[in-house]
Amino acid sequence: MSNTNQHIIDYLNWYLSEKCKMRAAVMLTGSWGSGKTHFLKNEYMLNEPKRFIYISLNGIASAEDIDALLIQSLHLLLESKGVKIGGEIAKSFLKNAY
């Protein structure tokens, strides 16, 4: 059985690989209800070990709104328990290394 989203999976895998030198956002387009969010959150992101920032552009009116969403998402990511624990471990390691 073939995956109808295979071309998207292939592109995202290439984009996230070392081969790709671009570092920007990827926007999936499709009609309302076509499954973009479901695909990303329930299929692709669950099978990838990398961390993602997902924002919805639904209702966004300006570039400033996008900036605010990205900052908010980054803040939530950096405040997560795992990141805090990792930061404490790194600080402890660096402190004891010198």
C-alpha atoms as a PDB file:
ATOM      1  CA  MET A   1       0.000   0.000   0.000  1.00  0.00           C
ATOM      2  CA  SER A   2       1.531   3.311  -1.039  1.00  0.00           C
ATOM      3  CA  ASN A   3       1.468   6.402   1.118  1.00  0.00           C
ATOM      4  CA  THR A   4      -0.211   9.300  -0.694  1.00  0.00           C
ATOM      5  CA  ASN A   5       1.926  11.669   1.378  1.00  0.00           C
ATOM      6  CA  GLN A   6       5.226  10.010   0.459  1.00  0.00           C
ATOM      7  CA  HIS A   7       6.387  12.992  -1.599  1.00  0.00           C
ATOM      8  CA  ILE A   8       5.882  15.235   1.446  1.00  0.00           C
ATOM      9  CA  ILE A   9       7.695  12.775   3.710  1.00  0.00           C
ATOM     10  CA  ASP A  10      10.588  12.578   1.237  1.00  0.00           C
ATOM     11  CA  TYR A  11      10.835  16.370   1.036  1.00  0.00           C
ATOM     12  CA  LEU A  12      10.695  16.854   4.808  1.00  0.00           C
ATOM     13  CA  ASN A  13      13.324  14.153   5.339  1.00  0.00           C
ATOM     14  CA  TRP A  14      15.596  15.826   2.779  1.00  0.00           C
ATOM     15  CA  TYR A  15      14.920  19.255   4.270  1.00  0.00           C
ATOM     16  CA  LEU A  16      15.872  18.036   7.746  1.00  0.00           C
ATOM     17  CA  SER A  17      18.962  16.191   6.519  1.00  0.00           C
ATOM     18  CA  GLU A  18      22.529  17.435   6.448  1.00  0.00           C
ATOM     19  CA  LYS A  19      22.279  17.636   2.642  1.00  0.00           C
ATOM     20  CA  CYS A  20      19.898  20.582   2.804  1.00  0.00           C
ATOM     21  CA  LYS A  21      21.549  23.905   3.553  1.00  0.00           C
ATOM     22  CA  MET A  22      18.285  25.888   3.759  1.00  0.00           C
ATOM     23  CA  ARG A  23      17.068  26.823   7.196  1.00  0.00           C
ATOM     24  CA  ALA A  24      13.667  28.392   6.984  1.00  0.00           C
ATOM     25  CA  ALA A  25      10.086  27.318   7.477  1.00  0.00           C
ATOM     26  CA  VAL A  26       8.183  24.729   5.505  1.00  0.00           C
ATOM     27  CA  MET A  27       4.572  25.521   4.745  1.00  0.00           C
ATOM     28  CA  LEU A  28       2.115  22.841   3.741  1.00  0.00           C
ATOM     29  CA  THR A  29      -0.792  24.080   1.702  1.00  0.00           C
ATOM     30  CA  GLY A  30      -4.099  22.423   1.037  1.00  0.00           C
ATOM     31  CA  SER A  31      -7.786  23.038   1.325  1.00  0.00           C
ATOM     32  CA  TRP A  32      -9.476  23.296   4.705  1.00  0.00           C
ATOM     33  CA  GLY A  33      -9.966  19.838   6.168  1.00  0.00           C
ATOM     34  CA  SER A  34      -7.539  18.086   3.830  1.00  0.00           C
ATOM     35  CA  GLY A  35      -5.534  16.665   6.746  1.00  0.00           C
ATOM     36  CA  LYS A  36      -2.424  18.863   6.861  1.00  0.00           C
ATOM     37  CA  THR A  37      -2.403  19.155  10.652  1.00  0.00           C
ATOM     38  CA  HIS A  38      -3.349  15.515  11.160  1.00  0.00           C
ATOM     39  CA  PHE A  39      -0.550  14.386   8.866  1.00  0.00           C
ATOM     40  CA  LEU A  40       2.086  16.497  10.603  1.00  0.00           C
ATOM     41  CA  LYS A  41       1.076  15.869  14.201  1.00  0.00           C
ATOM     42  CA  ASN A  42      -0.157  12.277  14.012  1.00  0.00           C
ATOM     43  CA  GLU A  43       1.960  10.767  11.278  1.00  0.00           C
ATOM     44  CA  TYR A  44       5.165  12.627  10.521  1.00  0.00           C
ATOM     45  CA  MET A  45       6.124  14.256  13.817  1.00  0.00           C
ATOM     46  CA  LEU A  46       5.467  11.093  15.822  1.00  0.00           C
ATOM     47  CA  ASN A  47       7.937   9.136  13.700  1.00  0.00           C
ATOM     48  CA  GLU A  48      10.735  11.702  13.752  1.00  0.00           C
ATOM     49  CA  PRO A  49      13.207  12.017  16.626  1.00  0.00           C
ATOM     50  CA  LYS A  50      13.752  15.723  15.899  1.00  0.00           C
ATOM     51  CA  ARG A  51      11.847  18.410  17.743  1.00  0.00           C
ATOM     52  CA  PHE A  52       9.501  20.623  15.804  1.00  0.00           C
ATOM     53  CA  ILE A  53       7.830  23.938  16.303  1.00  0.00           C
ATOM     54  CA  TYR A  54       4.362  23.809  14.832  1.00  0.00           C
ATOM     55  CA  ILE A  55       2.300  26.934  14.372  1.00  0.00           C
ATOM     56  CA  SER A  56      -0.972  27.405  12.575  1.00  0.00           C
ATOM     57  CA  LEU A  57      -1.314  30.383  10.272  1.00  0.00           C
ATOM     58  CA  ASN A  58      -5.094  30.197  10.451  1.00  0.00           C
ATOM     59  CA  GLY A  59      -6.338  33.678  11.299  1.00  0.00           C
ATOM     60  CA  ILE A  60      -2.892  35.282  11.106  1.00  0.00           C
ATOM     61  CA  ALA A  61      -3.015  38.792   9.659  1.00  0.00           C
ATOM     62  CA  SER A  62       0.618  39.921   9.595  1.00  0.00           C
ATOM     63  CA  ALA A  63       4.264  38.913   9.737  1.00  0.00           C
ATOM     64  CA  GLU A  64       4.364  40.330  13.265  1.00  0.00           C
ATOM     65  CA  ASP A  65       1.688  37.817  14.277  1.00  0.00           C
ATOM     66  CA  ILE A  66       3.875  35.007  12.919  1.00  0.00           C
ATOM     67  CA  ASP A  67       6.873  36.356  14.843  1.00  0.00           C
ATOM     68  CA  ALA A  68       4.836  36.440  18.051  1.00  0.00           C
ATOM     69  CA  LEU A  69       3.668  32.843  17.544  1.00  0.00           C
ATOM     70  CA  LEU A  70       7.224  31.658  16.892  1.00  0.00           C
ATOM     71  CA  ILE A  71       8.554  33.415  19.988  1.00  0.00           C
ATOM     72  CA  GLN A  72       5.745  31.962  22.081  1.00  0.00           C
ATOM     73  CA  SER A  73       6.399  28.460  20.706  1.00  0.00           C
ATOM     74  CA  LEU A  74      10.145  28.733  21.294  1.00  0.00           C
ATOM     75  CA  HIS A  75       9.548  29.931  24.837  1.00  0.00           C
ATOM     76  CA  LEU A  76       7.312  26.939  25.538  1.00  0.00           C
ATOM     77  CA  LEU A  77       9.894  24.590  24.030  1.00  0.00           C
ATOM     78  CA  LEU A  78      12.755  26.075  26.031  1.00  0.00           C
ATOM     79  CA  GLU A  79      10.718  26.003  29.233  1.00  0.00           C
ATOM     80  CA  SER A  80       9.904  22.312  28.852  1.00  0.00           C
ATOM     81  CA  LYS A  81      11.026  19.986  31.630  1.00  0.00           C
ATOM     82  CA  GLY A  82      13.359  18.008  29.360  1.00  0.00           C
ATOM     83  CA  VAL A  83      15.183  21.106  28.164  1.00  0.00           C
ATOM     84  CA  LYS A  84      15.558  22.381  31.731  1.00  0.00           C
ATOM     85  CA  ILE A  85      16.965  19.048  32.921  1.00  0.00           C
ATOM     86  CA  GLY A  86      19.326  18.914  29.930  1.00  0.00           C
ATOM     87  CA  GLY A  87      20.477  22.445  30.675  1.00  0.00           C
ATOM     88  CA  GLU A  88      21.173  21.602  34.307  1.00  0.00           C
ATOM     89  CA  ILE A  89      23.152  18.513  33.294  1.00  0.00           C
ATOM     90  CA  ALA A  90      25.163  20.551  30.782  1.00  0.00           C
ATOM     91  CA  LYS A  91      25.866  23.272  33.366  1.00  0.00           C
ATOM     92  CA  SER A  92      26.976  20.672  35.891  1.00  0.00           C
ATOM     93  CA  PHE A  93      29.214  18.985  33.342  1.00  0.00           C
ATOM     94  CA  LEU A  94      30.814  22.268  32.289  1.00  0.00           C
ATOM     95  CA  LYS A  95      31.264  23.368  35.898  1.00  0.00           C
ATOM     96  CA  ASN A  96      33.070  20.130  36.758  1.00  0.00           C
ATOM     97  CA  ALA A  97      35.130  20.144  33.565  1.00  0.00           C
ATOM     98  CA  TYR A  98      37.175  23.163  34.645  1.00  0.00           C
END
